[in-house]
C-alpha atoms as a PDB file:
ATOM      1  CA  MET A   1     190.100 118.713 101.716  1.00  0.00           C
ATOM      2  CA  ASN A   2     188.171 120.168  98.778  1.00  0.00           C
ATOM      3  CA  VAL A   3     184.886 122.062  99.065  1.00  0.00           C
ATOM      4  CA  ALA A   4     182.825 119.092  97.903  1.00  0.00           C
ATOM      5  CA  GLU A   5     184.295 116.876 100.651  1.00  0.00           C
ATOM      6  CA  ALA A   6     183.815 119.572 103.299  1.00  0.00           C
ATOM      7  CA  SER A   7     180.152 120.216 102.624  1.00  0.00           C
ATOM      8  CA  GLY A   8     178.899 117.216 100.677  1.00  0.00           C
ATOM      9  CA  PRO A   9     176.915 114.155 101.775  1.00  0.00           C
ATOM     10  CA  GLY A  10     180.061 112.440 103.094  1.00  0.00           C
ATOM     11  CA  LYS A  11     180.622 115.176 105.686  1.00  0.00           C
ATOM     12  CA  ARG A  12     176.941 115.234 106.609  1.00  0.00           C
ATOM     13  CA  TYR A  13     176.994 111.515 107.385  1.00  0.00           C
ATOM     14  CA  GLY A  14     180.317 111.481 109.218  1.00  0.00           C
ATOM     15  CA  GLY A  15     182.637 110.883 106.295  1.00  0.00           C
ATOM     16  CA  ALA A  16     185.429 108.353 106.622  1.00  0.00           C
ATOM     17  CA  GLU A  17     185.152 108.220 110.417  1.00  0.00           C
ATOM     18  CA  GLY A  18     181.399 107.679 110.199  1.00  0.00           C
ATOM     19  CA  ASN A  19     181.955 104.824 107.779  1.00  0.00           C
ATOM     20  CA  GLU A  20     184.492 103.292 110.178  1.00  0.00           C
ATOM     21  CA  ARG A  21     182.036 103.533 113.057  1.00  0.00           C
ATOM     22  CA  LEU A  22     179.209 101.984 111.015  1.00  0.00           C
ATOM     23  CA  THR A  23     181.491  99.094 110.074  1.00  0.00           C
ATOM     24  CA  ALA A  24     182.456  98.645 113.739  1.00  0.00           C
ATOM     25  CA  MET A  25     178.836  98.757 114.976  1.00  0.00           C
ATOM     26  CA  THR A  26     177.736  96.213 112.380  1.00  0.00           C
ATOM     27  CA  GLY A  27     180.779  94.067 113.075  1.00  0.00           C
ATOM     28  CA  ALA A  28     179.979  93.976 116.802  1.00  0.00           C
ATOM     29  CA  VAL A  29     176.419  92.808 116.109  1.00  0.00           C
ATOM     30  CA  LEU A  30     177.700  90.210 113.646  1.00  0.00           C
ATOM     31  CA  LEU A  31     180.253  88.947 116.150  1.00  0.00           C
ATOM     32  CA  ILE A  32     177.494  88.131 118.631  1.00  0.00           C
ATOM     33  CA  LEU A  33     175.072  86.632 116.119  1.00  0.00           C
ATOM     34  CA  LEU A  34     177.749  84.581 114.367  1.00  0.00           C
ATOM     35  CA  ALA A  35     178.973  83.214 117.710  1.00  0.00           C
ATOM     36  CA  VAL A  36     175.452  81.969 118.438  1.00  0.00           C
ATOM     37  CA  GLU A  37     175.131  80.619 114.886  1.00  0.00           C
ATOM     38  CA  CYS A  38     178.392  78.681 115.269  1.00  0.00           C
ATOM     39  CA  TYR A  39     177.131  77.266 118.579  1.00  0.00           C
ATOM     40  CA  THR A  40     174.020  75.904 116.844  1.00  0.00           C
ATOM     41  CA  ILE A  41     176.311  73.870 114.577  1.00  0.00           C
ATOM     42  CA  VAL A  42     177.668  72.020 117.604  1.00  0.00           C
ATOM     43  CA  ARG A  43     174.091  70.976 118.490  1.00  0.00           C
ATOM     44  CA  ILE A  44     172.645  71.027 114.997  1.00  0.00           C
ATOM     45  CA  GLY A  45     170.321  68.088 115.711  1.00  0.00           C
ATOM     46  CA  ARG A  46     168.380  70.068 118.318  1.00  0.00           C
ATOM     47  CA  LEU A  47     169.023  73.596 117.074  1.00  0.00           C
ATOM     48  CA  LEU A  48     168.509  73.174 113.329  1.00  0.00           C
ATOM     49  CA  THR A  49     165.528  75.539 113.191  1.00  0.00           C
ATOM     50  CA  LEU A  50     167.446  78.200 115.138  1.00  0.00           C
ATOM     51  CA  HIS A  51     170.417  77.655 112.816  1.00  0.00           C
ATOM     52  CA  VAL A  52     168.276  78.348 109.747  1.00  0.00           C
ATOM     53  CA  PHE A  53     166.520  81.302 111.424  1.00  0.00           C
ATOM     54  CA  LEU A  54     169.789  82.966 112.447  1.00  0.00           C
ATOM     55  CA  GLY A  55     171.362  82.265 109.067  1.00  0.00           C
ATOM     56  CA  MET A  56     168.554  84.143 107.340  1.00  0.00           C
ATOM     57  CA  LEU A  57     168.558  86.920 109.962  1.00  0.00           C
ATOM     58  CA  LEU A  58     172.269  87.452 109.388  1.00  0.00           C
ATOM     59  CA  LEU A  59     171.712  88.251 105.718  1.00  0.00           C
ATOM     60  CA  GLY A  60     170.709  91.819 106.629  1.00  0.00           C
ATOM     61  CA  PRO A  61     173.722  92.889 108.736  1.00  0.00           C
ATOM     62  CA  VAL A  62     176.145  90.885 106.578  1.00  0.00           C
ATOM     63  CA  THR A  63     174.964  92.849 103.542  1.00  0.00           C
ATOM     64  CA  LEU A  64     175.276  96.141 105.444  1.00  0.00           C
ATOM     65  CA  LYS A  65     178.857  95.394 106.536  1.00  0.00           C
ATOM     66  CA  ALA A  66     179.840  94.334 103.035  1.00  0.00           C
ATOM     67  CA  GLY A  67     178.321  97.548 101.710  1.00  0.00           C
ATOM     68  CA  SER A  68     180.179  99.761 104.185  1.00  0.00           C
ATOM     69  CA  VAL A  69     183.494  98.011 103.447  1.00  0.00           C
ATOM     70  CA  LEU A  70     183.009  98.231  99.681  1.00  0.00           C
ATOM     71  CA  TYR A  71     182.074 101.914 100.013  1.00  0.00           C
ATOM     72  CA  ARG A  72     185.319 102.617 101.871  1.00  0.00           C
ATOM     73  CA  PHE A  73     187.225 100.639  99.235  1.00  0.00           C
ATOM     74  CA  ALA A  74     185.648 102.660  96.412  1.00  0.00           C
ATOM     75  CA  ARG A  75     186.249 106.028  98.108  1.00  0.00           C
ATOM     76  CA  TYR A  76     189.870 105.171  98.906  1.00  0.00           C
ATOM     77  CA  TYR A  77     190.734 104.060  95.392  1.00  0.00           C
ATOM     78  CA  THR A  78     188.903 106.969  93.759  1.00  0.00           C
ATOM     79  CA  GLY A  79     191.138 109.359  95.703  1.00  0.00           C
ATOM     80  CA  SER A  80     188.823 110.731  98.416  1.00  0.00           C
ATOM     81  CA  GLU A  81     191.163 112.644 100.731  1.00  0.00           C
ATOM     82  CA  PRO A  82     189.596 111.667 104.121  1.00  0.00           C
ATOM     83  CA  TYR A  83     189.684 107.987 103.152  1.00  0.00           C
ATOM     84  CA  ARG A  84     193.221 108.309 101.821  1.00  0.00           C
ATOM     85  CA  ARG A  85     194.282 109.866 105.139  1.00  0.00           C
ATOM     86  CA  GLN A  86     192.921 106.851 107.021  1.00  0.00           C
ATOM     87  CA  GLY A  87     195.118 104.687 104.866  1.00  0.00           C
ATOM     88  CA  PRO A  88     194.555 101.143 103.619  1.00  0.00           C
ATOM     89  CA  PRO A  89     194.341  98.057 105.854  1.00  0.00           C
ATOM     90  CA  ALA A  90     197.532  96.165 106.638  1.00  0.00           C
ATOM     91  CA  PRO A  91     198.820  94.212 103.582  1.00  0.00           C
ATOM     92  CA  LEU A  92     197.700  90.818 104.936  1.00  0.00           C
ATOM     93  CA  LEU A  93     194.209  92.105 105.757  1.00  0.00           C
ATOM     94  CA  ARG A  94     193.992  93.762 102.345  1.00  0.00           C
ATOM     95  CA  VAL A  95     194.664  90.378 100.717  1.00  0.00           C
ATOM     96  CA  LEU A  96     192.261  88.533 103.022  1.00  0.00           C
ATOM     97  CA  GLY A  97     189.385  90.999 102.506  1.00  0.00           C
ATOM     98  CA  PRO A  98     188.267  89.760  99.062  1.00  0.00           C
ATOM     99  CA  VAL A  99     188.794  86.133 100.147  1.00  0.00           C
ATOM    100  CA  ILE A 100     186.546  86.607 103.196  1.00  0.00           C
ATOM    101  CA  MET A 101     183.860  88.335 101.131  1.00  0.00           C
ATOM    102  CA  LEU A 102     183.883  85.526  98.568  1.00  0.00           C
ATOM    103  CA  LEU A 103     183.744  82.817 101.250  1.00  0.00           C
ATOM    104  CA  THR A 104     180.977  84.673 103.093  1.00  0.00           C
ATOM    105  CA  ALA A 105     178.955  84.754  99.880  1.00  0.00           C
ATOM    106  CA  CYS A 106     179.571  81.005  99.418  1.00  0.00           C
ATOM    107  CA  VAL A 107     178.581  80.128 103.001  1.00  0.00           C
ATOM    108  CA  PHE A 108     175.377  82.154 103.031  1.00  0.00           C
ATOM    109  CA  GLY A 109     174.480  81.523  99.397  1.00  0.00           C
ATOM    110  CA  SER A 110     174.829  77.751  99.750  1.00  0.00           C
ATOM    111  CA  GLY A 111     172.948  77.902 103.068  1.00  0.00           C
ATOM    112  CA  VAL A 112     170.025  79.674 101.424  1.00  0.00           C
ATOM    113  CA  MET A 113     170.023  77.141  98.582  1.00  0.00           C
ATOM    114  CA  LEU A 114     170.041  74.251 101.059  1.00  0.00           C
ATOM    115  CA  ALA A 115     167.020  75.735 102.834  1.00  0.00           C
ATOM    116  CA  VAL A 116     165.183  76.204  99.543  1.00  0.00           C
ATOM    117  CA  THR A 117     166.042  72.873  97.878  1.00  0.00           C
ATOM    118  CA  GLY A 118     165.740  70.706 100.994  1.00  0.00           C
ATOM    119  CA  PRO A 119     167.733  67.576 101.899  1.00  0.00           C
ATOM    120  CA  SER A 120     169.068  65.034  99.443  1.00  0.00           C
ATOM    121  CA  TYR A 121     168.149  61.423 100.106  1.00  0.00           C
ATOM    122  CA  GLY A 122     171.125  60.139  98.155  1.00  0.00           C
ATOM    123  CA  PRO A 123     174.745  61.289  98.361  1.00  0.00           C
ATOM    124  CA  PRO A 124     175.277  64.771  99.866  1.00  0.00           C
ATOM    125  CA  SER A 125     174.167  67.469  97.440  1.00  0.00           C
ATOM    126  CA  GLY A 126     176.640  69.847  95.854  1.00  0.00           C
ATOM    127  CA  TRP A 127     175.168  72.688  97.925  1.00  0.00           C
ATOM    128  CA  LEU A 128     175.814  70.785 101.159  1.00  0.00           C
ATOM    129  CA  VAL A 129     179.400  69.995 100.163  1.00  0.00           C
ATOM    130  CA  LEU A 130     179.985  73.644  99.209  1.00  0.00           C
ATOM    131  CA  HIS A 131     178.385  74.818 102.460  1.00  0.00           C
ATOM    132  CA  ARG A 132     180.640  72.631 104.595  1.00  0.00           C
ATOM    133  CA  ILE A 133     183.896  73.333 102.756  1.00  0.00           C
ATOM    134  CA  SER A 134     183.325  77.070 102.459  1.00  0.00           C
ATOM    135  CA  PHE A 135     182.334  77.274 106.136  1.00  0.00           C
ATOM    136  CA  PHE A 136     185.570  75.725 107.399  1.00  0.00           C
ATOM    137  CA  ALA A 137     187.640  77.893 105.062  1.00  0.00           C
ATOM    138  CA  TRP A 138     185.624  80.963 106.121  1.00  0.00           C
ATOM    139  CA  LEU A 139     186.110  80.095 109.811  1.00  0.00           C
ATOM    140  CA  PHE A 140     189.891  80.037 109.400  1.00  0.00           C
ATOM    141  CA  PHE A 141     190.119  83.380 107.612  1.00  0.00           C
ATOM    142  CA  ILE A 142     187.468  85.134 109.697  1.00  0.00           C
ATOM    143  CA  ALA A 143     189.389  84.204 112.858  1.00  0.00           C
ATOM    144  CA  ILE A 144     192.377  86.176 111.547  1.00  0.00           C
ATOM    145  CA  HIS A 145     190.083  89.071 110.615  1.00  0.00           C
ATOM    146  CA  VAL A 146     188.446  89.130 114.063  1.00  0.00           C
ATOM    147  CA  LEU A 147     191.759  88.973 115.925  1.00  0.00           C
ATOM    148  CA  ALA A 148     193.003  91.934 113.888  1.00  0.00           C
ATOM    149  CA  TYR A 149     189.941  94.154 114.303  1.00  0.00           C
ATOM    150  CA  VAL A 150     188.379  93.271 117.684  1.00  0.00           C
ATOM    151  CA  PRO A 151     190.909  95.372 119.669  1.00  0.00           C
ATOM    152  CA  ARG A 152     189.601  98.481 117.865  1.00  0.00           C
ATOM    153  CA  LEU A 153     185.932  97.827 118.625  1.00  0.00           C
ATOM    154  CA  PRO A 154     185.787  99.181 122.212  1.00  0.00           C
ATOM    155  CA  ARG A 155     187.294 102.532 121.188  1.00  0.00           C
ATOM    156  CA  LEU A 156     185.018 102.971 118.166  1.00  0.00           C
ATOM    157  CA  LEU A 157     181.854 101.853 119.955  1.00  0.00           C
ATOM    158  CA  ALA A 158     182.624 104.033 122.986  1.00  0.00           C
ATOM    159  CA  ALA A 159     183.246 107.053 120.757  1.00  0.00           C
ATOM    160  CA  GLU A 160     179.909 106.468 119.011  1.00  0.00           C
ATOM    161  CA  ALA A 161     178.061 106.137 122.319  1.00  0.00           C
ATOM    162  CA  ARG A 162     179.573 109.135 124.131  1.00  0.00           C
ATOM    163  CA  ALA A 163     177.435 112.267 123.895  1.00  0.00           C
ATOM    164  CA  ARG A 164     180.455 114.578 123.802  1.00  0.00           C
ATOM    165  CA  GLU A 165     181.845 112.823 120.741  1.00  0.00           C
ATOM    166  CA  VAL A 166     178.752 112.964 118.547  1.00  0.00           C
ATOM    167  CA  LEU A 167     179.744 112.594 114.905  1.00  0.00           C
ATOM    168  CA  ALA A 168     177.463 113.721 112.099  1.00  0.00           C
ATOM    169  CA  GLY A 169     175.186 110.970 110.864  1.00  0.00           C
ATOM    170  CA  ARG A 170     174.949 109.007 114.127  1.00  0.00           C
ATOM    171  CA  GLY A 171     171.174 108.689 113.735  1.00  0.00           C
ATOM    172  CA  THR A 172     171.599 107.481 110.154  1.00  0.00           C
ATOM    173  CA  ARG A 173     174.150 104.871 111.180  1.00  0.00           C
ATOM    174  CA  LEU A 174     171.870 103.533 113.901  1.00  0.00           C
ATOM    175  CA  ALA A 175     168.908 103.546 111.502  1.00  0.00           C
ATOM    176  CA  LEU A 176     170.898 101.586 108.918  1.00  0.00           C
ATOM    177  CA  LEU A 177     171.898  98.977 111.496  1.00  0.00           C
ATOM    178  CA  ILE A 178     168.336  98.594 112.790  1.00  0.00           C
ATOM    179  CA  ALA A 179     166.973  98.444 109.228  1.00  0.00           C
ATOM    180  CA  SER A 180     169.449  95.687 108.334  1.00  0.00           C
ATOM    181  CA  LEU A 181     168.358  93.653 111.368  1.00  0.00           C
ATOM    182  CA  LEU A 182     164.677  94.192 110.578  1.00  0.00           C
ATOM    183  CA  ALA A 183     165.233  93.183 106.951  1.00  0.00           C
ATOM    184  CA  GLY A 184     167.018  90.045 108.122  1.00  0.00           C
ATOM    185  CA  LEU A 185     164.230  89.345 110.615  1.00  0.00           C
ATOM    186  CA  VAL A 186     161.586  89.574 107.891  1.00  0.00           C
ATOM    187  CA  ILE A 187     163.563  87.157 105.696  1.00  0.00           C
ATOM    188  CA  ALA A 188     164.024  84.800 108.659  1.00  0.00           C
ATOM    189  CA  LEU A 189     160.333  84.816 109.578  1.00  0.00           C
ATOM    190  CA  LEU A 190     159.322  84.179 105.969  1.00  0.00           C
ATOM    191  CA  THR A 191     161.746  81.283 105.487  1.00  0.00           C
ATOM    192  CA  VAL A 192     162.108  79.573 108.878  1.00  0.00           C
ATOM    193  CA  HIS A 193     159.431  77.061 107.874  1.00  0.00           C
ATOM    194  CA  LEU A 194     161.916  75.660 105.334  1.00  0.00           C
ATOM    195  CA  ALA A 195     163.794  74.089 108.233  1.00  0.00           C
ATOM    196  CA  GLY A 196     160.854  71.699 108.610  1.00  0.00           C
ATOM    197  CA  THR A 197     161.973  69.506 105.690  1.00  0.00           C
ATOM    198  CA  TRP A 198     165.401  69.150 107.262  1.00  0.00           C
ATOM    199  CA  GLU A 199     163.862  68.401 110.663  1.00  0.00           C
ATOM    200  CA  SER A 200     161.808  65.607 109.081  1.00  0.00           C
ATOM    201  CA  PHE A 201     164.863  64.339 107.237  1.00  0.00           C
ATOM    202  CA  GLY A 202     166.862  64.297 110.483  1.00  0.00           C
END
C-alpha cells in the first residue's frame, strides 16, 4: 500500500472495508423497505398512498447504495490496492450489476414520472407501461443479486456493530445512511399528496 492510501481520506473513512460495510448497511435497510414496497403492490388499491410514499422515501438510500457501489467500481478500476485486493464480484454478478442499476433507474424514474403526471384516462401511458415492464425485469435480476449477497450481511453488520471491531469512519457511515433516509423522507413528505390523483382515479 502506498503512503497516500495509508494516510489519505480512504484510510480515515475505513477504506475498502468501510465501503463494503456501508454498502451492506444500506442494502439491509433497502431489503426491508423494498419488501414492504413490494407488499403494497399486492394490495395497491388500499395501499396506493403508502406505495407512493415508500417509493419516494427509497430514493435516498437507493442513491446512497448506487454511489457506494460506483465508488468501489471506480477505485478498483483505477488501481487502488485495497480495492484490488478485495477483488471483483463474481463474473455473473459483475454482468448483472449494470443491468440492475439501469432497471432500478427505470423503475424509480418511471414511478416518479407517474406520480408527477398523474393517471391517463385513455390507454395506459408510456410511463405506466415502462414502470410495469421494468419492475418485473428488475424483480427477476434483483432476486439473483439478493440471493448472492444476503449470506454476507450478518457478518458485515455484526462486525460494524461490535465495539471491538470498530473500523475508522463508522460514525460517517451511519451519518450517511441516516442522511439518505432523511433526504428520502423529505422527498416523500413533499410528494405524497400526488397519490391523491391516483386515489381519485381508482
